[in-house]
Amino acid sequence: MHEKGMVILQMVLIIFAINIVYVTFFTVRMILTLKGYRYIAAGLSIVEIVIYVIGLGLVLDNLNEIQNLIAYAVGYGCGVIIGSKIEEKMALGYITVNVITAEKNLKLPGILREKGYGVTDWSANGLDGDRSAMQILTPRKYELKLYVTIKEIDPKAFIIAYEAKTIHGGFWVKSIKKGKLFK
């Protein structure tokens, strides 16, 4: 490859990499902000904006080079994917999982409590009769493990989850503070 082609390729790769890093930072910063980690998010935004200005500057200085714009756009898309994967690994916050099962005599609430989950259970009525309902609170990092445990015990369980924004009171909150969860 001749020298001009190498310079073009280097520029494309630099713009692509810069935008992946920028958008990854952007995605993680937004999530940290939403989860209440304001100061960490603010620090991250300082790095993020420097990277953004450098990347955008490279594209704007060479607007006649379509490959730079394409690299910028593709890097942006890749950054969204990478940022969301990082957020999944960070698994900040808590989720509430509602479980409804037809198995009235199931030992599921006790098993989940032994594993450290906060479980409130009650009897419920469904279209086809009596049900057992549970509300389970867990850190997001244990979410997938919880689903596996539930499905192992009752593969037909109805499961729905949502993010818990505010948690106050109860034994579970005290257990978190004492570090006594998930034996």
N, C-alpha and C. Protein backbone atom coordinates (compact mmCIF):
# COMPACT_ATOMS: atom_id res chain seq x y z
N MET A 1 0.85 -1.18 0.00
CA MET A 1 0.00 0.00 0.00
C MET A 1 0.90 1.23 0.00
N HIS A 2 0.53 2.22 -0.82
CA HIS A 2 1.37 3.41 -0.88
C HIS A 2 1.14 4.31 0.33
N GLU A 3 2.01 5.31 0.45
CA GLU A 3 2.04 6.13 1.66
C GLU A 3 0.73 6.89 1.92
N LYS A 4 0.11 7.43 0.88
CA LYS A 4 -1.14 8.17 1.04
C LYS A 4 -2.25 7.24 1.55
N GLY A 5 -2.27 6.02 1.02
CA GLY A 5 -3.27 5.04 1.46
C GLY A 5 -3.09 4.68 2.92
N MET A 6 -1.84 4.58 3.37
CA MET A 6 -1.56 4.28 4.78
C MET A 6 -2.04 5.41 5.69
N VAL A 7 -1.83 6.65 5.25
CA VAL A 7 -2.26 7.80 6.03
C VAL A 7 -3.79 7.82 6.15
N ILE A 8 -4.46 7.53 5.04
CA ILE A 8 -5.93 7.49 5.05
C ILE A 8 -6.42 6.39 5.99
N LEU A 9 -5.83 5.21 5.89
CA LEU A 9 -6.22 4.09 6.75
C LEU A 9 -5.97 4.41 8.23
N GLN A 10 -4.83 5.02 8.53
CA GLN A 10 -4.53 5.40 9.91
C GLN A 10 -5.57 6.39 10.45
N MET A 11 -5.93 7.37 9.61
CA MET A 11 -6.91 8.36 10.03
C MET A 11 -8.26 7.70 10.31
N VAL A 12 -8.68 6.80 9.45
CA VAL A 12 -9.95 6.09 9.62
C VAL A 12 -9.92 5.29 10.92
N LEU A 13 -8.84 4.57 11.16
CA LEU A 13 -8.74 3.77 12.38
C LEU A 13 -8.70 4.62 13.64
N ILE A 14 -8.03 5.75 13.57
CA ILE A 14 -7.96 6.65 14.72
C ILE A 14 -9.35 7.22 15.03
N ILE A 15 -10.04 7.69 14.02
CA ILE A 15 -11.39 8.24 14.21
C ILE A 15 -12.33 7.17 14.74
N PHE A 16 -12.25 5.98 14.18
CA PHE A 16 -13.09 4.86 14.61
C PHE A 16 -12.83 4.54 16.09
N ALA A 17 -11.57 4.41 16.46
CA ALA A 17 -11.21 4.08 17.85
C ALA A 17 -11.61 5.19 18.81
N ILE A 18 -11.36 6.44 18.42
CA ILE A 18 -11.73 7.56 19.28
C ILE A 18 -13.23 7.56 19.55
N ASN A 19 -14.02 7.31 18.53
CA ASN A 19 -15.46 7.36 18.73
C ASN A 19 -15.97 6.18 19.55
N ILE A 20 -15.35 5.03 19.40
CA ILE A 20 -15.73 3.90 20.25
C ILE A 20 -15.47 4.27 21.72
N VAL A 21 -14.32 4.82 22.01
CA VAL A 21 -13.97 5.19 23.38
C VAL A 21 -14.91 6.29 23.88
N TYR A 22 -15.15 7.31 23.05
CA TYR A 22 -16.02 8.42 23.45
C TYR A 22 -17.43 7.92 23.79
N VAL A 23 -18.03 7.15 22.91
CA VAL A 23 -19.42 6.72 23.13
C VAL A 23 -19.50 5.72 24.27
N THR A 24 -18.48 4.90 24.44
CA THR A 24 -18.46 4.00 25.59
C THR A 24 -18.45 4.82 26.88
N PHE A 25 -17.62 5.83 26.96
CA PHE A 25 -17.58 6.73 28.12
C PHE A 25 -18.94 7.40 28.31
N PHE A 26 -19.52 7.89 27.20
CA PHE A 26 -20.81 8.57 27.24
C PHE A 26 -21.89 7.65 27.83
N THR A 27 -21.95 6.43 27.34
CA THR A 27 -22.96 5.47 27.80
C THR A 27 -22.78 5.15 29.28
N VAL A 28 -21.57 4.87 29.69
CA VAL A 28 -21.30 4.54 31.09
C VAL A 28 -21.59 5.76 31.98
N ARG A 29 -21.22 6.95 31.51
CA ARG A 29 -21.48 8.17 32.30
C ARG A 29 -22.98 8.39 32.49
N MET A 30 -23.75 8.19 31.44
CA MET A 30 -25.21 8.36 31.55
C MET A 30 -25.80 7.40 32.58
N ILE A 31 -25.34 6.17 32.54
CA ILE A 31 -25.85 5.16 33.47
C ILE A 31 -25.44 5.51 34.90
N LEU A 32 -24.20 5.93 35.08
CA LEU A 32 -23.75 6.33 36.42
C LEU A 32 -24.58 7.50 36.93
N THR A 33 -24.89 8.45 36.06
CA THR A 33 -25.70 9.60 36.44
C THR A 33 -27.09 9.14 36.88
N LEU A 34 -27.70 8.26 36.09
CA LEU A 34 -29.04 7.76 36.41
C LEU A 34 -29.07 6.95 37.70
N LYS A 35 -27.97 6.29 38.03
CA LYS A 35 -27.89 5.47 39.24
C LYS A 35 -27.46 6.28 40.46
N GLY A 36 -27.20 7.57 40.28
CA GLY A 36 -26.88 8.43 41.41
C GLY A 36 -25.40 8.61 41.70
N TYR A 37 -24.53 8.13 40.83
CA TYR A 37 -23.09 8.29 41.03
C TYR A 37 -22.62 9.59 40.35
N ARG A 38 -23.10 10.73 40.85
CA ARG A 38 -22.87 12.02 40.20
C ARG A 38 -21.40 12.39 40.06
N TYR A 39 -20.63 12.21 41.11
CA TYR A 39 -19.25 12.68 41.11
C TYR A 39 -18.37 11.82 40.20
N ILE A 40 -18.60 10.53 40.22
CA ILE A 40 -17.86 9.66 39.30
C ILE A 40 -18.23 10.00 37.86
N ALA A 41 -19.53 10.23 37.62
CA ALA A 41 -20.00 10.59 36.29
C ALA A 41 -19.39 11.92 35.84
N ALA A 42 -19.29 12.87 36.74
CA ALA A 42 -18.70 14.17 36.40
C ALA A 42 -17.23 14.01 36.01
N GLY A 43 -16.50 13.21 36.77
CA GLY A 43 -15.09 12.96 36.43
C GLY A 43 -14.94 12.27 35.09
N LEU A 44 -15.80 11.31 34.84
CA LEU A 44 -15.78 10.60 33.56
C LEU A 44 -16.11 11.54 32.40
N SER A 45 -17.01 12.50 32.65
CA SER A 45 -17.41 13.42 31.58
C SER A 45 -16.26 14.33 31.14
N ILE A 46 -15.33 14.60 32.02
CA ILE A 46 -14.17 15.42 31.67
C ILE A 46 -13.34 14.70 30.61
N VAL A 47 -13.07 13.43 30.85
CA VAL A 47 -12.32 12.63 29.88
C VAL A 47 -13.13 12.47 28.60
N GLU A 48 -14.42 12.20 28.76
CA GLU A 48 -15.31 11.99 27.62
C GLU A 48 -15.29 13.18 26.66
N ILE A 49 -15.41 14.39 27.17
CA ILE A 49 -15.51 15.57 26.31
C ILE A 49 -14.20 15.85 25.58
N VAL A 50 -13.08 15.58 26.22
CA VAL A 50 -11.78 15.76 25.55
C VAL A 50 -11.68 14.80 24.36
N ILE A 51 -12.06 13.55 24.59
CA ILE A 51 -12.03 12.56 23.51
C ILE A 51 -12.98 12.96 22.39
N TYR A 52 -14.16 13.43 22.75
CA TYR A 52 -15.18 13.85 21.77
C TYR A 52 -14.66 14.98 20.88
N VAL A 53 -14.09 16.00 21.50
CA VAL A 53 -13.60 17.16 20.74
C VAL A 53 -12.49 16.76 19.78
N ILE A 54 -11.59 15.90 20.23
CA ILE A 54 -10.50 15.44 19.36
C ILE A 54 -11.06 14.67 18.16
N GLY A 55 -11.97 13.72 18.42
CA GLY A 55 -12.55 12.93 17.33
C GLY A 55 -13.35 13.76 16.36
N LEU A 56 -14.20 14.62 16.88
CA LEU A 56 -15.02 15.47 16.01
C LEU A 56 -14.13 16.42 15.21
N GLY A 57 -13.10 16.94 15.85
CA GLY A 57 -12.17 17.83 15.16
C GLY A 57 -11.51 17.15 13.97
N LEU A 58 -11.10 15.91 14.14
CA LEU A 58 -10.48 15.17 13.04
C LEU A 58 -11.45 15.00 11.87
N VAL A 59 -12.70 14.74 12.17
CA VAL A 59 -13.70 14.57 11.10
C VAL A 59 -13.98 15.91 10.43
N LEU A 60 -14.19 16.96 11.22
CA LEU A 60 -14.52 18.26 10.65
C LEU A 60 -13.37 18.85 9.85
N ASP A 61 -12.13 18.56 10.23
CA ASP A 61 -10.97 19.04 9.47
C ASP A 61 -10.85 18.35 8.12
N ASN A 62 -11.51 17.21 7.97
CA ASN A 62 -11.40 16.42 6.73
C ASN A 62 -12.78 16.00 6.23
N LEU A 63 -13.71 16.95 6.19
CA LEU A 63 -15.08 16.64 5.78
C LEU A 63 -15.18 16.12 4.35
N ASN A 64 -14.22 16.42 3.53
CA ASN A 64 -14.24 15.94 2.14
C ASN A 64 -13.88 14.45 2.04
N GLU A 65 -13.44 13.86 3.13
CA GLU A 65 -13.07 12.43 3.15
C GLU A 65 -14.22 11.63 3.75
N ILE A 66 -15.05 11.05 2.90
CA ILE A 66 -16.26 10.34 3.34
C ILE A 66 -15.93 9.17 4.27
N GLN A 67 -14.79 8.53 4.08
CA GLN A 67 -14.42 7.39 4.92
C GLN A 67 -14.25 7.80 6.38
N ASN A 68 -13.86 9.05 6.64
CA ASN A 68 -13.74 9.53 8.01
C ASN A 68 -15.11 9.64 8.68
N LEU A 69 -16.08 10.13 7.93
CA LEU A 69 -17.44 10.25 8.44
C LEU A 69 -18.04 8.87 8.71
N ILE A 70 -17.77 7.94 7.81
CA ILE A 70 -18.25 6.55 7.98
C ILE A 70 -17.60 5.93 9.23
N ALA A 71 -16.28 6.13 9.38
CA ALA A 71 -15.58 5.60 10.55
C ALA A 71 -16.15 6.20 11.83
N TYR A 72 -16.49 7.49 11.80
CA TYR A 72 -17.07 8.16 12.95
C TYR A 72 -18.41 7.53 13.31
N ALA A 73 -19.26 7.32 12.30
CA ALA A 73 -20.59 6.76 12.52
C ALA A 73 -20.52 5.30 13.01
N VAL A 74 -19.68 4.49 12.38
CA VAL A 74 -19.54 3.08 12.77
C VAL A 74 -18.93 2.98 14.17
N GLY A 75 -17.96 3.82 14.46
CA GLY A 75 -17.37 3.86 15.81
C GLY A 75 -18.40 4.24 16.85
N TYR A 76 -19.30 5.14 16.51
CA TYR A 76 -20.37 5.54 17.42
C TYR A 76 -21.26 4.35 17.75
N GLY A 77 -21.69 3.62 16.72
CA GLY A 77 -22.53 2.44 16.93
C GLY A 77 -21.83 1.38 17.77
N CYS A 78 -20.57 1.13 17.48
CA CYS A 78 -19.80 0.14 18.25
C CYS A 78 -19.64 0.59 19.71
N GLY A 79 -19.48 1.89 19.92
CA GLY A 79 -19.35 2.43 21.27
C GLY A 79 -20.61 2.20 22.10
N VAL A 80 -21.78 2.32 21.47
CA VAL A 80 -23.04 2.07 22.17
C VAL A 80 -23.10 0.62 22.64
N ILE A 81 -22.72 -0.29 21.75
CA ILE A 81 -22.74 -1.72 22.10
C ILE A 81 -21.75 -2.01 23.23
N ILE A 82 -20.54 -1.52 23.11
CA ILE A 82 -19.52 -1.77 24.13
C ILE A 82 -19.91 -1.12 25.46
N GLY A 83 -20.43 0.10 25.42
CA GLY A 83 -20.87 0.78 26.63
C GLY A 83 -21.97 0.03 27.35
N SER A 84 -22.92 -0.50 26.58
CA SER A 84 -24.01 -1.25 27.22
C SER A 84 -23.52 -2.57 27.79
N LYS A 85 -22.54 -3.19 27.14
CA LYS A 85 -21.95 -4.44 27.68
C LYS A 85 -21.21 -4.15 28.99
N ILE A 86 -20.51 -3.04 29.04
CA ILE A 86 -19.80 -2.66 30.27
C ILE A 86 -20.81 -2.42 31.39
N GLU A 87 -21.91 -1.74 31.07
CA GLU A 87 -22.95 -1.49 32.06
C GLU A 87 -23.54 -2.79 32.58
N GLU A 88 -23.75 -3.76 31.71
CA GLU A 88 -24.25 -5.06 32.15
C GLU A 88 -23.29 -5.70 33.14
N LYS A 89 -22.00 -5.59 32.89
CA LYS A 89 -21.00 -6.17 33.78
C LYS A 89 -20.94 -5.41 35.11
N MET A 90 -21.14 -4.10 35.07
CA MET A 90 -21.13 -3.30 36.30
C MET A 90 -22.34 -3.66 37.16
N ALA A 91 -23.48 -3.89 36.53
CA ALA A 91 -24.73 -4.31 37.20
C ALA A 91 -25.02 -3.50 38.46
N LEU A 92 -25.09 -2.20 38.31
CA LEU A 92 -25.35 -1.32 39.45
C LEU A 92 -26.82 -1.35 39.83
N GLY A 93 -27.10 -1.21 41.08
CA GLY A 93 -28.47 -1.08 41.55
C GLY A 93 -29.12 -2.40 41.93
N TYR A 94 -30.42 -2.33 42.10
CA TYR A 94 -31.22 -3.46 42.56
C TYR A 94 -32.41 -3.67 41.64
N ILE A 95 -32.92 -4.88 41.62
CA ILE A 95 -34.13 -5.16 40.87
C ILE A 95 -35.13 -5.84 41.79
N THR A 96 -36.38 -5.65 41.45
CA THR A 96 -37.46 -6.36 42.11
C THR A 96 -38.01 -7.34 41.09
N VAL A 97 -38.13 -8.58 41.50
CA VAL A 97 -38.63 -9.63 40.61
C VAL A 97 -39.93 -10.16 41.20
N ASN A 98 -40.98 -10.12 40.41
CA ASN A 98 -42.26 -10.72 40.81
C ASN A 98 -42.36 -12.08 40.16
N VAL A 99 -42.69 -13.09 40.95
CA VAL A 99 -42.81 -14.46 40.46
C VAL A 99 -44.20 -14.97 40.83
N ILE A 100 -44.86 -15.56 39.87
CA ILE A 100 -46.16 -16.19 40.12
C ILE A 100 -46.03 -17.64 39.66
N THR A 101 -46.43 -18.54 40.56
CA THR A 101 -46.30 -19.96 40.27
C THR A 101 -47.59 -20.68 40.64
N ALA A 102 -47.90 -21.72 39.90
CA ALA A 102 -49.09 -22.54 40.17
C ALA A 102 -48.81 -23.54 41.28
N GLU A 103 -47.55 -23.71 41.63
CA GLU A 103 -47.15 -24.68 42.64
C GLU A 103 -47.37 -24.10 44.04
N LYS A 104 -48.51 -24.39 44.63
CA LYS A 104 -48.85 -23.84 45.95
C LYS A 104 -47.95 -24.36 47.07
N ASN A 105 -47.53 -25.60 47.00
CA ASN A 105 -46.72 -26.19 48.07
C ASN A 105 -45.23 -26.09 47.78
N LEU A 106 -44.87 -25.27 46.85
CA LEU A 106 -43.48 -25.13 46.45
C LEU A 106 -42.64 -24.52 47.57
N LYS A 107 -41.44 -24.96 47.70
CA LYS A 107 -40.53 -24.46 48.73
C LYS A 107 -39.68 -23.29 48.24
N LEU A 108 -40.06 -22.74 47.11
CA LEU A 108 -39.26 -21.69 46.48
C LEU A 108 -38.96 -20.50 47.40
N PRO A 109 -39.93 -19.92 48.11
CA PRO A 109 -39.59 -18.78 48.98
C PRO A 109 -38.50 -19.11 50.00
N GLY A 110 -38.60 -20.26 50.65
CA GLY A 110 -37.60 -20.65 51.64
C GLY A 110 -36.23 -20.86 51.04
N ILE A 111 -36.18 -21.51 49.88
CA ILE A 111 -34.90 -21.76 49.20
C ILE A 111 -34.24 -20.42 48.84
N LEU A 112 -35.04 -19.48 48.32
CA LEU A 112 -34.49 -18.18 47.93
C LEU A 112 -34.01 -17.39 49.15
N ARG A 113 -34.75 -17.48 50.24
CA ARG A 113 -34.33 -16.80 51.47
C ARG A 113 -33.01 -17.36 51.98
N GLU A 114 -32.86 -18.69 51.92
CA GLU A 114 -31.60 -19.32 52.34
C GLU A 114 -30.42 -18.83 51.51
N LYS A 115 -30.69 -18.49 50.25
CA LYS A 115 -29.63 -18.02 49.36
C LYS A 115 -29.35 -16.52 49.54
N GLY A 116 -30.14 -15.85 50.41
CA GLY A 116 -29.88 -14.45 50.71
C GLY A 116 -30.79 -13.45 50.04
N TYR A 117 -31.75 -13.91 49.25
CA TYR A 117 -32.67 -12.99 48.59
C TYR A 117 -33.74 -12.51 49.56
N GLY A 118 -34.18 -11.28 49.40
CA GLY A 118 -35.29 -10.75 50.16
C GLY A 118 -36.58 -11.19 49.48
N VAL A 119 -37.39 -12.01 50.15
CA VAL A 119 -38.60 -12.57 49.53
C VAL A 119 -39.81 -12.27 50.41
N THR A 120 -40.84 -11.73 49.78
CA THR A 120 -42.15 -11.63 50.42
C THR A 120 -43.08 -12.48 49.57
N ASP A 121 -43.82 -13.40 50.22
CA ASP A 121 -44.71 -14.26 49.43
C ASP A 121 -46.12 -14.23 49.98
N TRP A 122 -47.08 -14.54 49.13
CA TRP A 122 -48.48 -14.53 49.50
C TRP A 122 -49.27 -15.42 48.55
N SER A 123 -50.47 -15.76 48.96
CA SER A 123 -51.36 -16.54 48.10
C SER A 123 -52.05 -15.59 47.13
N ALA A 124 -52.27 -16.07 45.93
CA ALA A 124 -52.90 -15.25 44.89
C ALA A 124 -53.89 -16.10 44.11
N ASN A 125 -54.72 -15.45 43.34
CA ASN A 125 -55.68 -16.15 42.49
C ASN A 125 -55.44 -15.77 41.05
N GLY A 126 -55.41 -16.77 40.16
CA GLY A 126 -55.23 -16.53 38.75
C GLY A 126 -56.42 -17.06 37.97
N LEU A 127 -56.39 -16.95 36.68
CA LEU A 127 -57.47 -17.41 35.82
C LEU A 127 -57.76 -18.89 36.03
N ASP A 128 -56.70 -19.67 36.21
CA ASP A 128 -56.85 -21.12 36.37
C ASP A 128 -56.80 -21.58 37.82
N GLY A 129 -56.98 -20.68 38.78
CA GLY A 129 -57.04 -21.12 40.17
C GLY A 129 -56.00 -20.47 41.07
N ASP A 130 -55.74 -21.15 42.18
CA ASP A 130 -54.82 -20.64 43.21
C ASP A 130 -53.39 -20.57 42.69
N ARG A 131 -52.69 -19.56 43.13
CA ARG A 131 -51.30 -19.35 42.77
C ARG A 131 -50.52 -18.94 44.01
N SER A 132 -49.23 -19.00 43.90
CA SER A 132 -48.34 -18.47 44.92
C SER A 132 -47.60 -17.30 44.25
N ALA A 133 -47.57 -16.15 44.92
CA ALA A 133 -46.90 -14.97 44.37
C ALA A 133 -45.75 -14.59 45.29
N MET A 134 -44.69 -14.09 44.70
CA MET A 134 -43.52 -13.66 45.45
C MET A 134 -42.98 -12.36 44.88
N GLN A 135 -42.47 -11.53 45.76
CA GLN A 135 -41.74 -10.35 45.36
C GLN A 135 -40.34 -10.51 45.94
N ILE A 136 -39.34 -10.44 45.06
CA ILE A 136 -37.96 -10.74 45.45
C ILE A 136 -37.10 -9.52 45.13
N LEU A 137 -36.29 -9.11 46.08
CA LEU A 137 -35.36 -8.00 45.89
C LEU A 137 -33.95 -8.55 45.82
N THR A 138 -33.18 -8.09 44.83
CA THR A 138 -31.80 -8.57 44.70
C THR A 138 -30.92 -7.52 44.02
N PRO A 139 -29.64 -7.50 44.37
CA PRO A 139 -28.71 -6.68 43.58
C PRO A 139 -28.71 -7.18 42.13
N ARG A 140 -28.56 -6.27 41.19
CA ARG A 140 -28.59 -6.65 39.77
C ARG A 140 -27.52 -7.68 39.42
N LYS A 141 -26.40 -7.66 40.14
CA LYS A 141 -25.34 -8.61 39.80
C LYS A 141 -25.75 -10.06 40.06
N TYR A 142 -26.82 -10.28 40.84
CA TYR A 142 -27.31 -11.63 41.10
C TYR A 142 -28.59 -11.95 40.32
N GLU A 143 -29.00 -11.07 39.44
CA GLU A 143 -30.26 -11.22 38.71
C GLU A 143 -30.33 -12.51 37.91
N LEU A 144 -29.33 -12.77 37.08
CA LEU A 144 -29.37 -13.97 36.23
C LEU A 144 -29.31 -15.25 37.06
N LYS A 145 -28.54 -15.23 38.14
CA LYS A 145 -28.45 -16.37 39.04
C LYS A 145 -29.83 -16.65 39.66
N LEU A 146 -30.55 -15.59 40.01
CA LEU A 146 -31.90 -15.73 40.57
C LEU A 146 -32.82 -16.41 39.56
N TYR A 147 -32.80 -15.97 38.31
CA TYR A 147 -33.66 -16.56 37.29
C TYR A 147 -33.36 -18.05 37.11
N VAL A 148 -32.09 -18.40 37.11
CA VAL A 148 -31.71 -19.81 36.96
C VAL A 148 -32.27 -20.63 38.12
N THR A 149 -32.13 -20.12 39.34
CA THR A 149 -32.64 -20.83 40.52
C THR A 149 -34.15 -21.02 40.43
N ILE A 150 -34.87 -19.97 40.07
CA ILE A 150 -36.33 -20.07 39.96
C ILE A 150 -36.72 -21.10 38.90
N LYS A 151 -36.10 -21.02 37.74
CA LYS A 151 -36.45 -21.92 36.64
C LYS A 151 -36.09 -23.37 36.94
N GLU A 152 -35.02 -23.60 37.71
CA GLU A 152 -34.67 -24.97 38.10
C GLU A 152 -35.76 -25.58 38.97
N ILE A 153 -36.34 -24.78 39.86
CA ILE A 153 -37.35 -25.26 40.78
C ILE A 153 -38.73 -25.30 40.13
N ASP A 154 -39.06 -24.28 39.35
CA ASP A 154 -40.35 -24.23 38.65
C ASP A 154 -40.17 -23.65 37.25
N PRO A 155 -39.95 -24.51 36.27
CA PRO A 155 -39.73 -24.04 34.89
C PRO A 155 -40.92 -23.27 34.31
N LYS A 156 -42.11 -23.43 34.89
CA LYS A 156 -43.29 -22.74 34.36
C LYS A 156 -43.61 -21.44 35.10
N ALA A 157 -42.77 -21.02 35.99
CA ALA A 157 -43.02 -19.81 36.77
C ALA A 157 -43.10 -18.60 35.84
N PHE A 158 -44.03 -17.70 36.17
CA PHE A 158 -44.16 -16.43 35.47
C PHE A 158 -43.27 -15.43 36.20
N ILE A 159 -42.34 -14.80 35.46
CA ILE A 159 -41.36 -13.91 36.08
C ILE A 159 -41.41 -12.55 35.38
N ILE A 160 -41.47 -11.50 36.18
CA ILE A 160 -41.37 -10.14 35.63
C ILE A 160 -40.47 -9.34 36.57
N ALA A 161 -39.60 -8.51 36.00
CA ALA A 161 -38.64 -7.77 36.82
C ALA A 161 -38.65 -6.29 36.45
N TYR A 162 -38.32 -5.46 37.43
CA TYR A 162 -38.18 -4.04 37.20
C TYR A 162 -37.16 -3.48 38.18
N GLU A 163 -36.65 -2.31 37.85
CA GLU A 163 -35.61 -1.71 38.67
C GLU A 163 -36.20 -1.08 39.92
N ALA A 164 -35.58 -1.37 41.05
CA ALA A 164 -35.99 -0.76 42.32
C ALA A 164 -35.24 0.55 42.48
N LYS A 165 -35.96 1.64 42.55
CA LYS A 165 -35.33 2.97 42.66
C LYS A 165 -35.05 3.36 44.10
N THR A 166 -35.98 3.04 45.01
CA THR A 166 -35.84 3.42 46.41
C THR A 166 -36.06 2.20 47.28
N ILE A 167 -35.18 1.99 48.24
CA ILE A 167 -35.31 0.88 49.17
C ILE A 167 -35.18 1.45 50.57
N HIS A 168 -36.15 1.11 51.44
CA HIS A 168 -36.11 1.61 52.80
C HIS A 168 -36.74 0.56 53.72
N GLY A 169 -36.11 0.30 54.83
CA GLY A 169 -36.66 -0.57 55.85
C GLY A 169 -36.56 -2.05 55.53
N GLY A 170 -36.98 -2.86 56.49
CA GLY A 170 -36.97 -4.31 56.30
C GLY A 170 -35.64 -4.93 56.70
N PHE A 171 -35.69 -6.26 56.92
CA PHE A 171 -34.48 -6.96 57.34
C PHE A 171 -33.41 -6.93 56.26
N TRP A 172 -33.85 -6.94 55.00
CA TRP A 172 -32.93 -7.07 53.88
C TRP A 172 -31.99 -5.89 53.79
N VAL A 173 -32.51 -4.69 53.97
CA VAL A 173 -31.68 -3.48 53.93
C VAL A 173 -30.63 -3.55 55.04
N LYS A 174 -31.02 -4.02 56.22
CA LYS A 174 -30.06 -4.16 57.32
C LYS A 174 -29.00 -5.20 56.97
N SER A 175 -29.41 -6.28 56.30
CA SER A 175 -28.47 -7.33 55.91
C SER A 175 -27.43 -6.81 54.91
N ILE A 176 -27.87 -5.96 54.00
CA ILE A 176 -26.95 -5.37 53.02
C ILE A 176 -25.88 -4.57 53.75
N LYS A 177 -26.32 -3.74 54.69
CA LYS A 177 -25.39 -2.88 55.43
C LYS A 177 -24.40 -3.70 56.24
N LYS A 178 -24.80 -4.87 56.71
CA LYS A 178 -23.93 -5.73 57.49
C LYS A 178 -23.13 -6.69 56.63
N GLY A 179 -23.38 -6.69 55.32
CA GLY A 179 -22.65 -7.58 54.41
C GLY A 179 -22.99 -9.04 54.58
N LYS A 180 -24.23 -9.36 54.94
CA LYS A 180 -24.61 -10.74 55.24
C LYS A 180 -25.36 -11.43 54.12
N LEU A 181 -25.35 -10.91 52.93
CA LEU A 181 -26.13 -11.52 51.85
C LEU A 181 -25.35 -12.58 51.08
N PHE A 182 -26.08 -13.49 50.49
CA PHE A 182 -25.61 -14.46 49.51
C PHE A 182 -24.46 -15.32 50.01
N LYS A 183 -24.85 -16.22 50.87
CA LYS A 183 -23.92 -17.18 51.48
C LYS A 183 -23.41 -18.16 50.45
